Amino acid sequence: MKVVDYRDVPLEPVSEEGARGVKVRWAIKKDDGAKRFAMRIFHVEPEGYTPCHSHPWEHEVYVLRGKGEVLKEGKWIPVPEGTVLFIPPGEEHQFRNTSQEELVFICLIPYLD
């Protein structure tokens, strides 16, 4: 069992092309014994955004703090604090912060191996 304050998990920059002002904490991962899913916590600075991308796995997202938008089928949808999202496999998506405060969200992804 792993029990930790998420703020004690290292905050790492996201260096993917197309990202700006994004950092991630790998809160739960394979090294912790998680065999099926990883839990990541993203921090997006004001005016920051994740890359626009798609991939063959689903993910589930919960917005902890802040206000942002997600790109869905070419349209920006508001995602304020408390929003939950299911992003199916293959769907293009992107998150961006639309406020002057940090946008923080949890993102769960499956391991495909």
PDB file of N, CA and C in Angstrom:
ATOM      1  N   MET A   1       0.847  -1.182   0.000  1.00  0.00           N
ATOM      2  CA  MET A   1       0.000   0.000   0.000  1.00  0.00           C
ATOM      3  C   MET A   1       0.888   1.241   0.000  1.00  0.00           C
ATOM      4  N   LYS A   2       0.462   2.238  -0.740  1.00  0.00           N
ATOM      5  CA  LYS A   2       1.158   3.524  -0.754  1.00  0.00           C
ATOM      6  C   LYS A   2       0.210   4.565  -0.169  1.00  0.00           C
ATOM      7  N   VAL A   3       0.690   5.303   0.809  1.00  0.00           N
ATOM      8  CA  VAL A   3      -0.077   6.396   1.399  1.00  0.00           C
ATOM      9  C   VAL A   3       0.864   7.582   1.471  1.00  0.00           C
ATOM     10  N   VAL A   4       0.532   8.651   0.758  1.00  0.00           N
ATOM     11  CA  VAL A   4       1.425   9.797   0.679  1.00  0.00           C
ATOM     12  C   VAL A   4       0.616  11.063   0.385  1.00  0.00           C
ATOM     13  N   ASP A   5       1.091  12.169   0.868  1.00  0.00           N
ATOM     14  CA  ASP A   5       0.527  13.463   0.488  1.00  0.00           C
ATOM     15  C   ASP A   5       0.978  13.737  -0.943  1.00  0.00           C
ATOM     16  N   TYR A   6       0.049  14.011  -1.834  1.00  0.00           N
ATOM     17  CA  TYR A   6       0.414  14.177  -3.239  1.00  0.00           C
ATOM     18  C   TYR A   6       1.460  15.274  -3.449  1.00  0.00           C
ATOM     19  N   ARG A   7       1.504  16.247  -2.550  1.00  0.00           N
ATOM     20  CA  ARG A   7       2.479  17.338  -2.686  1.00  0.00           C
ATOM     21  C   ARG A   7       3.905  16.878  -2.430  1.00  0.00           C
ATOM     22  N   ASP A   8       4.058  15.678  -1.863  1.00  0.00           N
ATOM     23  CA  ASP A   8       5.390  15.112  -1.653  1.00  0.00           C
ATOM     24  C   ASP A   8       5.889  14.341  -2.871  1.00  0.00           C
ATOM     25  N   VAL A   9       5.040  14.156  -3.870  1.00  0.00           N
ATOM     26  CA  VAL A   9       5.433  13.489  -5.115  1.00  0.00           C
ATOM     27  C   VAL A   9       6.104  14.544  -6.001  1.00  0.00           C
ATOM     28  N   PRO A  10       7.264  14.233  -6.586  1.00  0.00           N
ATOM     29  CA  PRO A  10       7.975  15.228  -7.400  1.00  0.00           C
ATOM     30  C   PRO A  10       7.122  15.789  -8.535  1.00  0.00           C
ATOM     31  N   LEU A  11       7.251  17.075  -8.742  1.00  0.00           N
ATOM     32  CA  LEU A  11       6.569  17.787  -9.824  1.00  0.00           C
ATOM     33  C   LEU A  11       7.557  17.906 -10.978  1.00  0.00           C
ATOM     34  N   GLU A  12       7.227  17.285 -12.114  1.00  0.00           N
ATOM     35  CA  GLU A  12       8.140  17.225 -13.259  1.00  0.00           C
ATOM     36  C   GLU A  12       7.587  18.026 -14.430  1.00  0.00           C
ATOM     37  N   PRO A  13       8.436  18.749 -15.157  1.00  0.00           N
ATOM     38  CA  PRO A  13       7.958  19.481 -16.330  1.00  0.00           C
ATOM     39  C   PRO A  13       7.507  18.523 -17.435  1.00  0.00           C
ATOM     40  N   VAL A  14       6.470  18.902 -18.152  1.00  0.00           N
ATOM     41  CA  VAL A  14       6.025  18.165 -19.330  1.00  0.00           C
ATOM     42  C   VAL A  14       6.728  18.812 -20.519  1.00  0.00           C
ATOM     43  N   SER A  15       7.584  18.045 -21.171  1.00  0.00           N
ATOM     44  CA  SER A  15       8.410  18.608 -22.242  1.00  0.00           C
ATOM     45  C   SER A  15       7.949  18.198 -23.634  1.00  0.00           C
ATOM     46  N   GLU A  16       6.760  17.602 -23.737  1.00  0.00           N
ATOM     47  CA  GLU A  16       6.248  17.214 -25.045  1.00  0.00           C
ATOM     48  C   GLU A  16       6.067  18.452 -25.925  1.00  0.00           C
ATOM     49  N   GLU A  17       6.335  18.276 -27.217  1.00  0.00           N
ATOM     50  CA  GLU A  17       6.107  19.364 -28.165  1.00  0.00           C
ATOM     51  C   GLU A  17       4.632  19.744 -28.129  1.00  0.00           C
ATOM     52  N   GLY A  18       4.349  21.037 -28.097  1.00  0.00           N
ATOM     53  CA  GLY A  18       2.977  21.516 -28.060  1.00  0.00           C
ATOM     54  C   GLY A  18       2.445  21.794 -26.667  1.00  0.00           C
ATOM     55  N   ALA A  19       3.264  21.558 -25.643  1.00  0.00           N
ATOM     56  CA  ALA A  19       2.851  21.857 -24.265  1.00  0.00           C
ATOM     57  C   ALA A  19       3.519  23.144 -23.811  1.00  0.00           C
ATOM     58  N   ARG A  20       2.801  23.908 -22.987  1.00  0.00           N
ATOM     59  CA  ARG A  20       3.387  25.118 -22.410  1.00  0.00           C
ATOM     60  C   ARG A  20       2.878  25.284 -20.988  1.00  0.00           C
ATOM     61  N   GLY A  21       3.820  25.462 -20.057  1.00  0.00           N
ATOM     62  CA  GLY A  21       3.452  25.741 -18.669  1.00  0.00           C
ATOM     63  C   GLY A  21       2.767  24.583 -17.974  1.00  0.00           C
ATOM     64  N   VAL A  22       3.168  23.335 -18.281  1.00  0.00           N
ATOM     65  CA  VAL A  22       2.530  22.152 -17.703  1.00  0.00           C
ATOM     66  C   VAL A  22       3.554  21.337 -16.920  1.00  0.00           C
ATOM     67  N   LYS A  23       3.144  20.885 -15.732  1.00  0.00           N
ATOM     68  CA  LYS A  23       3.958  19.987 -14.919  1.00  0.00           C
ATOM     69  C   LYS A  23       3.070  18.832 -14.469  1.00  0.00           C
ATOM     70  N   VAL A  24       3.705  17.700 -14.139  1.00  0.00           N
ATOM     71  CA  VAL A  24       2.952  16.507 -13.758  1.00  0.00           C
ATOM     72  C   VAL A  24       3.584  15.835 -12.547  1.00  0.00           C
ATOM     73  N   ARG A  25       2.732  15.272 -11.702  1.00  0.00           N
ATOM     74  CA  ARG A  25       3.156  14.411 -10.597  1.00  0.00           C
ATOM     75  C   ARG A  25       2.634  13.014 -10.914  1.00  0.00           C
ATOM     76  N   TRP A  26       3.533  12.022 -10.962  1.00  0.00           N
ATOM     77  CA  TRP A  26       3.124  10.625 -11.151  1.00  0.00           C
ATOM     78  C   TRP A  26       2.800  10.074  -9.760  1.00  0.00           C
ATOM     79  N   ALA A  27       1.571  10.283  -9.306  1.00  0.00           N
ATOM     80  CA  ALA A  27       1.167   9.961  -7.939  1.00  0.00           C
ATOM     81  C   ALA A  27       1.167   8.457  -7.671  1.00  0.00           C
ATOM     82  N   ILE A  28       0.664   7.676  -8.628  1.00  0.00           N
ATOM     83  CA  ILE A  28       0.659   6.219  -8.511  1.00  0.00           C
ATOM     84  C   ILE A  28       1.099   5.650  -9.851  1.00  0.00           C
ATOM     85  N   LYS A  29       2.075   4.725  -9.805  1.00  0.00           N
ATOM     86  CA  LYS A  29       2.609   4.142 -11.044  1.00  0.00           C
ATOM     87  C   LYS A  29       3.069   2.717 -10.790  1.00  0.00           C
ATOM     88  N   LYS A  30       3.622   2.108 -11.812  1.00  0.00           N
ATOM     89  CA  LYS A  30       4.056   0.706 -11.715  1.00  0.00           C
ATOM     90  C   LYS A  30       5.021   0.474 -10.564  1.00  0.00           C
ATOM     91  N   ASP A  31       5.937   1.413 -10.344  1.00  0.00           N
ATOM     92  CA  ASP A  31       6.912   1.270  -9.249  1.00  0.00           C
ATOM     93  C   ASP A  31       6.242   1.152  -7.881  1.00  0.00           C
ATOM     94  N   ASP A  32       5.001   1.628  -7.784  1.00  0.00           N
ATOM     95  CA  ASP A  32       4.247   1.554  -6.532  1.00  0.00           C
ATOM     96  C   ASP A  32       3.454   0.255  -6.421  1.00  0.00           C
ATOM     97  N   GLY A  33       3.514  -0.575  -7.457  1.00  0.00           N
ATOM     98  CA  GLY A  33       2.777  -1.829  -7.474  1.00  0.00           C
ATOM     99  C   GLY A  33       1.477  -1.774  -8.263  1.00  0.00           C
ATOM    100  N   ALA A  34       1.169  -0.624  -8.869  1.00  0.00           N
ATOM    101  CA  ALA A  34      -0.052  -0.494  -9.670  1.00  0.00           C
ATOM    102  C   ALA A  34       0.148  -1.225 -11.001  1.00  0.00           C
ATOM    103  N   LYS A  35      -0.631  -2.253 -11.221  1.00  0.00           N
ATOM    104  CA  LYS A  35      -0.444  -3.092 -12.410  1.00  0.00           C
ATOM    105  C   LYS A  35      -1.351  -2.710 -13.573  1.00  0.00           C
ATOM    106  N   ARG A  36      -2.418  -1.984 -13.312  1.00  0.00           N
ATOM    107  CA  ARG A  36      -3.388  -1.704 -14.369  1.00  0.00           C
ATOM    108  C   ARG A  36      -3.523  -0.219 -14.731  1.00  0.00           C
ATOM    109  N   PHE A  37      -3.348   0.669 -13.746  1.00  0.00           N
ATOM    110  CA  PHE A  37      -3.576   2.094 -13.989  1.00  0.00           C
ATOM    111  C   PHE A  37      -2.485   2.946 -13.362  1.00  0.00           C
ATOM    112  N   ALA A  38      -2.292   4.130 -13.932  1.00  0.00           N
ATOM    113  CA  ALA A  38      -1.432   5.152 -13.341  1.00  0.00           C
ATOM    114  C   ALA A  38      -2.302   6.359 -13.010  1.00  0.00           C
ATOM    115  N   MET A  39      -1.957   7.035 -11.907  1.00  0.00           N
ATOM    116  CA  MET A  39      -2.635   8.273 -11.533  1.00  0.00           C
ATOM    117  C   MET A  39      -1.631   9.409 -11.648  1.00  0.00           C
ATOM    118  N   ARG A  40      -1.998  10.399 -12.453  1.00  0.00           N
ATOM    119  CA  ARG A  40      -1.144  11.567 -12.639  1.00  0.00           C
ATOM    120  C   ARG A  40      -1.915  12.807 -12.197  1.00  0.00           C
ATOM    121  N   ILE A  41      -1.185  13.781 -11.669  1.00  0.00           N
ATOM    122  CA  ILE A  41      -1.803  15.050 -11.292  1.00  0.00           C
ATOM    123  C   ILE A  41      -1.092  16.137 -12.086  1.00  0.00           C
ATOM    124  N   PHE A  42      -1.846  16.798 -12.951  1.00  0.00           N
ATOM    125  CA  PHE A  42      -1.296  17.841 -13.811  1.00  0.00           C
ATOM    126  C   PHE A  42      -1.521  19.217 -13.199  1.00  0.00           C
ATOM    127  N   HIS A  43      -0.526  20.079 -13.364  1.00  0.00           N
ATOM    128  CA  HIS A  43      -0.579  21.477 -12.938  1.00  0.00           C
ATOM    129  C   HIS A  43      -0.325  22.321 -14.182  1.00  0.00           C
ATOM    130  N   VAL A  44      -1.295  23.161 -14.526  1.00  0.00           N
ATOM    131  CA  VAL A  44      -1.185  23.980 -15.731  1.00  0.00           C
ATOM    132  C   VAL A  44      -1.207  25.448 -15.311  1.00  0.00           C
ATOM    133  N   GLU A  45      -0.137  26.164 -15.634  1.00  0.00           N
ATOM    134  CA  GLU A  45      -0.020  27.584 -15.290  1.00  0.00           C
ATOM    135  C   GLU A  45      -1.040  28.412 -16.073  1.00  0.00           C
ATOM    136  N   PRO A  46      -1.340  29.629 -15.609  1.00  0.00           N
ATOM    137  CA  PRO A  46      -2.184  30.528 -16.398  1.00  0.00           C
ATOM    138  C   PRO A  46      -1.616  30.661 -17.814  1.00  0.00           C
ATOM    139  N   GLU A  47      -2.501  30.580 -18.808  1.00  0.00           N
ATOM    140  CA  GLU A  47      -2.158  30.632 -20.235  1.00  0.00           C
ATOM    141  C   GLU A  47      -1.390  29.394 -20.702  1.00  0.00           C
ATOM    142  N   GLY A  48      -1.287  28.372 -19.856  1.00  0.00           N
ATOM    143  CA  GLY A  48      -0.619  27.133 -20.244  1.00  0.00           C
ATOM    144  C   GLY A  48      -1.595  26.163 -20.890  1.00  0.00           C
ATOM    145  N   TYR A  49      -1.030  25.130 -21.550  1.00  0.00           N
ATOM    146  CA  TYR A  49      -1.856  24.134 -22.215  1.00  0.00           C
ATOM    147  C   TYR A  49      -1.066  22.851 -22.447  1.00  0.00           C
ATOM    148  N   THR A  50      -1.823  21.757 -22.546  1.00  0.00           N
ATOM    149  CA  THR A  50      -1.241  20.462 -22.885  1.00  0.00           C
ATOM    150  C   THR A  50      -1.174  20.376 -24.410  1.00  0.00           C
ATOM    151  N   PRO A  51      -0.411  19.414 -24.950  1.00  0.00           N
ATOM    152  CA  PRO A  51      -0.398  19.261 -26.402  1.00  0.00           C
ATOM    153  C   PRO A  51      -1.750  18.752 -26.913  1.00  0.00           C
ATOM    154  N   CYS A  52      -2.087  19.108 -28.128  1.00  0.00           N
ATOM    155  CA  CYS A  52      -3.263  18.558 -28.780  1.00  0.00           C
ATOM    156  C   CYS A  52      -2.844  17.193 -29.321  1.00  0.00           C
ATOM    157  N   HIS A  53      -3.534  16.129 -28.875  1.00  0.00           N
ATOM    158  CA  HIS A  53      -3.098  14.786 -29.236  1.00  0.00           C
ATOM    159  C   HIS A  53      -4.230  13.775 -29.079  1.00  0.00           C
ATOM    160  N   SER A  54      -3.987  12.569 -29.553  1.00  0.00           N
ATOM    161  CA  SER A  54      -4.871  11.435 -29.316  1.00  0.00           C
ATOM    162  C   SER A  54      -3.982  10.215 -29.123  1.00  0.00           C
ATOM    163  N   HIS A  55      -4.552   9.165 -28.557  1.00  0.00           N
ATOM    164  CA  HIS A  55      -3.807   7.935 -28.324  1.00  0.00           C
ATOM    165  C   HIS A  55      -4.797   6.780 -28.196  1.00  0.00           C
ATOM    166  N   PRO A  56      -4.302   5.545 -28.235  1.00  0.00           N
ATOM    167  CA  PRO A  56      -5.213   4.393 -28.261  1.00  0.00           C
ATOM    168  C   PRO A  56      -5.784   3.976 -26.909  1.00  0.00           C
ATOM    169  N   TRP A  57      -5.633   4.778 -25.875  1.00  0.00           N
ATOM    170  CA  TRP A  57      -6.189   4.414 -24.566  1.00  0.00           C
ATOM    171  C   TRP A  57      -7.143   5.499 -24.087  1.00  0.00           C
ATOM    172  N   GLU A  58      -8.049   5.093 -23.223  1.00  0.00           N
ATOM    173  CA  GLU A  58      -8.978   6.019 -22.587  1.00  0.00           C
ATOM    174  C   GLU A  58      -8.289   6.704 -21.422  1.00  0.00           C
ATOM    175  N   HIS A  59      -8.855   7.791 -20.949  1.00  0.00           N
ATOM    176  CA  HIS A  59      -8.509   8.273 -19.633  1.00  0.00           C
ATOM    177  C   HIS A  59      -9.659   9.021 -18.993  1.00  0.00           C
ATOM    178  N   GLU A  60      -9.566   9.029 -17.671  1.00  0.00           N
ATOM    179  CA  GLU A  60     -10.568   9.674 -16.835  1.00  0.00           C
ATOM    180  C   GLU A  60      -9.892  10.848 -16.139  1.00  0.00           C
ATOM    181  N   VAL A  61     -10.611  11.964 -16.076  1.00  0.00           N
ATOM    182  CA  VAL A  61     -10.038  13.201 -15.549  1.00  0.00           C
ATOM    183  C   VAL A  61     -10.996  13.809 -14.534  1.00  0.00           C
ATOM    184  N   TYR A  62     -10.421  14.372 -13.471  1.00  0.00           N
ATOM    185  CA  TYR A  62     -11.196  15.116 -12.470  1.00  0.00           C
ATOM    186  C   TYR A  62     -10.479  16.439 -12.224  1.00  0.00           C
ATOM    187  N   VAL A  63     -11.187  17.551 -12.422  1.00  0.00           N
ATOM    188  CA  VAL A  63     -10.604  18.873 -12.219  1.00  0.00           C
ATOM    189  C   VAL A  63     -10.698  19.224 -10.737  1.00  0.00           C
ATOM    190  N   LEU A  64      -9.527  19.308 -10.103  1.00  0.00           N
ATOM    191  CA  LEU A  64      -9.449  19.607  -8.670  1.00  0.00           C
ATOM    192  C   LEU A  64      -9.584  21.091  -8.374  1.00  0.00           C
ATOM    193  N   ARG A  65      -8.917  21.904  -9.199  1.00  0.00           N
ATOM    194  CA  ARG A  65      -8.813  23.326  -8.873  1.00  0.00           C
ATOM    195  C   ARG A  65      -8.631  24.129 -10.152  1.00  0.00           C
ATOM    196  N   GLY A  66      -9.240  25.290 -10.180  1.00  0.00           N
ATOM    197  CA  GLY A  66      -9.058  26.203 -11.298  1.00  0.00           C
ATOM    198  C   GLY A  66     -10.156  26.093 -12.340  1.00  0.00           C
ATOM    199  N   LYS A  67      -9.913  26.777 -13.463  1.00  0.00           N
ATOM    200  CA  LYS A  67     -10.859  26.793 -14.584  1.00  0.00           C
ATOM    201  C   LYS A  67     -10.063  26.588 -15.867  1.00  0.00           C
ATOM    202  N   GLY A  68     -10.629  25.799 -16.737  1.00  0.00           N
ATOM    203  CA  GLY A  68      -9.974  25.576 -18.012  1.00  0.00           C
ATOM    204  C   GLY A  68     -10.983  25.185 -19.062  1.00  0.00           C
ATOM    205  N   GLU A  69     -10.446  24.696 -20.178  1.00  0.00           N
ATOM    206  CA  GLU A  69     -11.253  24.211 -21.278  1.00  0.00           C
ATOM    207  C   GLU A  69     -10.587  22.959 -21.835  1.00  0.00           C
ATOM    208  N   VAL A  70     -11.415  22.111 -22.438  1.00  0.00           N
ATOM    209  CA  VAL A  70     -10.906  20.936 -23.138  1.00  0.00           C
ATOM    210  C   VAL A  70     -11.393  21.017 -24.584  1.00  0.00           C
ATOM    211  N   LEU A  71     -10.517  20.668 -25.497  1.00  0.00           N
ATOM    212  CA  LEU A  71     -10.866  20.632 -26.914  1.00  0.00           C
ATOM    213  C   LEU A  71     -11.546  19.306 -27.210  1.00  0.00           C
ATOM    214  N   LYS A  72     -12.783  19.393 -27.692  1.00  0.00           N
ATOM    215  CA  LYS A  72     -13.559  18.193 -28.033  1.00  0.00           C
ATOM    216  C   LYS A  72     -14.183  18.406 -29.400  1.00  0.00           C
ATOM    217  N   GLU A  73     -13.756  17.580 -30.362  1.00  0.00           N
ATOM    218  CA  GLU A  73     -14.295  17.645 -31.717  1.00  0.00           C
ATOM    219  C   GLU A  73     -14.238  19.057 -32.278  1.00  0.00           C
ATOM    220  N   GLY A  74     -13.099  19.725 -32.068  1.00  0.00           N
ATOM    221  CA  GLY A  74     -12.878  21.058 -32.625  1.00  0.00           C
ATOM    222  C   GLY A  74     -13.506  22.202 -31.861  1.00  0.00           C
ATOM    223  N   LYS A  75     -14.173  21.918 -30.732  1.00  0.00           N
ATOM    224  CA  LYS A  75     -14.813  22.967 -29.940  1.00  0.00           C
ATOM    225  C   LYS A  75     -14.247  22.961 -28.533  1.00  0.00           C
ATOM    226  N   TRP A  76     -14.132  24.158 -27.935  1.00  0.00           N
ATOM    227  CA  TRP A  76     -13.639  24.286 -26.564  1.00  0.00           C
ATOM    228  C   TRP A  76     -14.814  24.208 -25.599  1.00  0.00           C
ATOM    229  N   ILE A  77     -14.723  23.276 -24.643  1.00  0.00           N
ATOM    230  CA  ILE A  77     -15.761  23.042 -23.644  1.00  0.00           C
ATOM    231  C   ILE A  77     -15.220  23.467 -22.278  1.00  0.00           C
ATOM    232  N   PRO A  78     -15.937  24.316 -21.516  1.00  0.00           N
ATOM    233  CA  PRO A  78     -15.466  24.717 -20.186  1.00  0.00           C
ATOM    234  C   PRO A  78     -15.349  23.516 -19.241  1.00  0.00           C
ATOM    235  N   VAL A  79     -14.279  23.519 -18.449  1.00  0.00           N
ATOM    236  CA  VAL A  79     -14.066  22.471 -17.433  1.00  0.00           C
ATOM    237  C   VAL A  79     -13.646  23.138 -16.121  1.00  0.00           C
ATOM    238  N   PRO A  80     -14.619  23.682 -15.375  1.00  0.00           N
ATOM    239  CA  PRO A  80     -14.302  24.294 -14.086  1.00  0.00           C
ATOM    240  C   PRO A  80     -14.064  23.240 -13.011  1.00  0.00           C
ATOM    241  N   GLU A  81     -13.593  23.695 -11.880  1.00  0.00           N
ATOM    242  CA  GLU A  81     -13.384  22.836 -10.711  1.00  0.00           C
ATOM    243  C   GLU A  81     -14.589  21.937 -10.479  1.00  0.00           C
ATOM    244  N   GLY A  82     -14.332  20.656 -10.234  1.00  0.00           N
ATOM    245  CA  GLY A  82     -15.399  19.691  -9.980  1.00  0.00           C
ATOM    246  C   GLY A  82     -15.849  18.916 -11.211  1.00  0.00           C
ATOM    247  N   THR A  83     -15.372  19.296 -12.389  1.00  0.00           N
ATOM    248  CA  THR A  83     -15.754  18.613 -13.625  1.00  0.00           C
ATOM    249  C   THR A  83     -15.070  17.254 -13.714  1.00  0.00           C
ATOM    250  N   VAL A  84     -15.803  16.250 -14.181  1.00  0.00           N
ATOM    251  CA  VAL A  84     -15.222  14.947 -14.497  1.00  0.00           C
ATOM    252  C   VAL A  84     -15.361  14.717 -15.997  1.00  0.00           C
ATOM    253  N   LEU A  85     -14.346  14.056 -16.569  1.00  0.00           N
ATOM    254  CA  LEU A  85     -14.342  13.797 -18.009  1.00  0.00           C
ATOM    255  C   LEU A  85     -13.955  12.358 -18.275  1.00  0.00           C
ATOM    256  N   PHE A  86     -14.559  11.779 -19.305  1.00  0.00           N
ATOM    257  CA  PHE A  86     -14.116  10.507 -19.855  1.00  0.00           C
ATOM    258  C   PHE A  86     -13.687  10.797 -21.282  1.00  0.00           C
ATOM    259  N   ILE A  87     -12.444  10.498 -21.597  1.00  0.00           N
ATOM    260  CA  ILE A  87     -11.927  10.706 -22.947  1.00  0.00           C
ATOM    261  C   ILE A  87     -11.691   9.330 -23.554  1.00  0.00           C
ATOM    262  N   PRO A  88     -12.488   8.961 -24.573  1.00  0.00           N
ATOM    263  CA  PRO A  88     -12.350   7.625 -25.151  1.00  0.00           C
ATOM    264  C   PRO A  88     -11.084   7.475 -25.979  1.00  0.00           C
ATOM    265  N   PRO A  89     -10.685   6.240 -26.235  1.00  0.00           N
ATOM    266  CA  PRO A  89      -9.504   5.998 -27.059  1.00  0.00           C
ATOM    267  C   PRO A  89      -9.656   6.657 -28.436  1.00  0.00           C
ATOM    268  N   GLY A  90      -8.562   7.235 -28.923  1.00  0.00           N
ATOM    269  CA  GLY A  90      -8.541   7.795 -30.267  1.00  0.00           C
ATOM    270  C   GLY A  90      -9.131   9.180 -30.426  1.00  0.00           C
ATOM    271  N   GLU A  91      -9.708   9.755 -29.358  1.00  0.00           N
ATOM    272  CA  GLU A  91     -10.321  11.080 -29.482  1.00  0.00           C
ATOM    273  C   GLU A  91      -9.279  12.175 -29.255  1.00  0.00           C
ATOM    274  N   GLU A  92      -9.161  13.076 -30.228  1.00  0.00           N
ATOM    275  CA  GLU A  92      -8.220  14.188 -30.094  1.00  0.00           C
ATOM    276  C   GLU A  92      -8.692  15.110 -28.973  1.00  0.00           C
ATOM    277  N   HIS A  93      -7.740  15.576 -28.160  1.00  0.00           N
ATOM    278  CA  HIS A  93      -8.086  16.428 -27.025  1.00  0.00           C
ATOM    279  C   HIS A  93      -6.885  17.284 -26.614  1.00  0.00           C
ATOM    280  N   GLN A  94      -7.193  18.342 -25.893  1.00  0.00           N
ATOM    281  CA  GLN A  94      -6.191  19.258 -25.357  1.00  0.00           C
ATOM    282  C   GLN A  94      -6.829  20.011 -24.204  1.00  0.00           C
ATOM    283  N   PHE A  95      -6.047  20.293 -23.168  1.00  0.00           N
ATOM    284  CA  PHE A  95      -6.512  21.098 -22.042  1.00  0.00           C
ATOM    285  C   PHE A  95      -5.783  22.427 -22.061  1.00  0.00           C
ATOM    286  N   ARG A  96      -6.493  23.491 -21.679  1.00  0.00           N
ATOM    287  CA  ARG A  96      -5.821  24.784 -21.509  1.00  0.00           C
ATOM    288  C   ARG A  96      -6.429  25.514 -20.317  1.00  0.00           C
ATOM    289  N   ASN A  97      -5.559  26.276 -19.654  1.00  0.00           N
ATOM    290  CA  ASN A  97      -5.969  27.060 -18.499  1.00  0.00           C
ATOM    291  C   ASN A  97      -6.532  28.384 -18.990  1.00  0.00           C
ATOM    292  N   THR A  98      -7.736  28.723 -18.538  1.00  0.00           N
ATOM    293  CA  THR A  98      -8.378  29.976 -18.963  1.00  0.00           C
ATOM    294  C   THR A  98      -8.499  30.972 -17.816  1.00  0.00           C
ATOM    295  N   SER A  99      -7.805  30.705 -16.712  1.00  0.00           N
ATOM    296  CA  SER A  99      -7.895  31.598 -15.558  1.00  0.00           C
ATOM    297  C   SER A  99      -6.516  32.143 -15.205  1.00  0.00           C
ATOM    298  N   GLN A 100      -6.486  32.995 -14.200  1.00  0.00           N
ATOM    299  CA  GLN A 100      -5.219  33.546 -13.714  1.00  0.00           C
ATOM    300  C   GLN A 100      -4.673  32.750 -12.538  1.00  0.00           C
ATOM    301  N   GLU A 101      -5.301  31.612 -12.245  1.00  0.00           N
ATOM    302  CA  GLU A 101      -4.834  30.718 -11.192  1.00  0.00           C
ATOM    303  C   GLU A 101      -4.457  29.387 -11.823  1.00  0.00           C
ATOM    304  N   GLU A 102      -3.699  28.604 -11.119  1.00  0.00           N
ATOM    305  CA  GLU A 102      -3.269  27.308 -11.617  1.00  0.00           C
ATOM    306  C   GLU A 102      -4.474  26.374 -11.830  1.00  0.00           C
ATOM    307  N   LEU A 103      -4.465  25.641 -12.933  1.00  0.00           N
ATOM    308  CA  LEU A 103      -5.442  24.594 -13.214  1.00  0.00           C
ATOM    309  C   LEU A 103      -4.805  23.274 -12.793  1.00  0.00           C
ATOM    310  N   VAL A 104      -5.489  22.505 -11.933  1.00  0.00           N
ATOM    311  CA  VAL A 104      -4.948  21.237 -11.436  1.00  0.00           C
ATOM    312  C   VAL A 104      -5.990  20.154 -11.689  1.00  0.00           C
ATOM    313  N   PHE A 105      -5.565  19.062 -12.334  1.00  0.00           N
ATOM    314  CA  PHE A 105      -6.488  17.956 -12.561  1.00  0.00           C
ATOM    315  C   PHE A 105      -5.798  16.613 -12.421  1.00  0.00           C
ATOM    316  N   ILE A 106      -6.594  15.623 -11.986  1.00  0.00           N
ATOM    317  CA  ILE A 106      -6.144  14.236 -11.883  1.00  0.00           C
ATOM    318  C   ILE A 106      -6.472  13.551 -13.200  1.00  0.00           C
ATOM    319  N   CYS A 107      -5.544  12.746 -13.686  1.00  0.00           N
ATOM    320  CA  CYS A 107      -5.752  11.999 -14.923  1.00  0.00           C
ATOM    321  C   CYS A 107      -5.324  10.552 -14.706  1.00  0.00           C
ATOM    322  N   LEU A 108      -6.252   9.623 -14.922  1.00  0.00           N
ATOM    323  CA  LEU A 108      -5.975   8.199 -14.794  1.00  0.00           C
ATOM    324  C   LEU A 108      -5.827   7.592 -16.182  1.00  0.00           C
ATOM    325  N   ILE A 109      -4.777   6.774 -16.349  1.00  0.00           N
ATOM    326  CA  ILE A 109      -4.550   6.094 -17.615  1.00  0.00           C
ATOM    327  C   ILE A 109      -4.256   4.625 -17.365  1.00  0.00           C
ATOM    328  N   PRO A 110      -4.687   3.752 -18.284  1.00  0.00           N
ATOM    329  CA  PRO A 110      -4.378   2.327 -18.128  1.00  0.00           C
ATOM    330  C   PRO A 110      -2.978   2.019 -18.666  1.00  0.00           C
ATOM    331  N   TYR A 111      -2.414   0.950 -18.155  1.00  0.00           N
ATOM    332  CA  TYR A 111      -1.200   0.390 -18.746  1.00  0.00           C
ATOM    333  C   TYR A 111      -1.650  -0.564 -19.841  1.00  0.00           C
ATOM    334  N   LEU A 112      -1.027  -0.493 -20.994  1.00  0.00           N
ATOM    335  CA  LEU A 112      -1.442  -1.326 -22.119  1.00  0.00           C
ATOM    336  C   LEU A 112      -0.612  -2.578 -22.286  1.00  0.00           C
ATOM    337  N   ASP A 113       0.446  -2.761 -21.494  1.00  0.00           N
ATOM    338  CA  ASP A 113       1.276  -3.947 -21.683  1.00  0.00           C
ATOM    339  C   ASP A 113       0.800  -5.126 -20.869  1.00  0.00           C
TER     340      ASP A 113
END
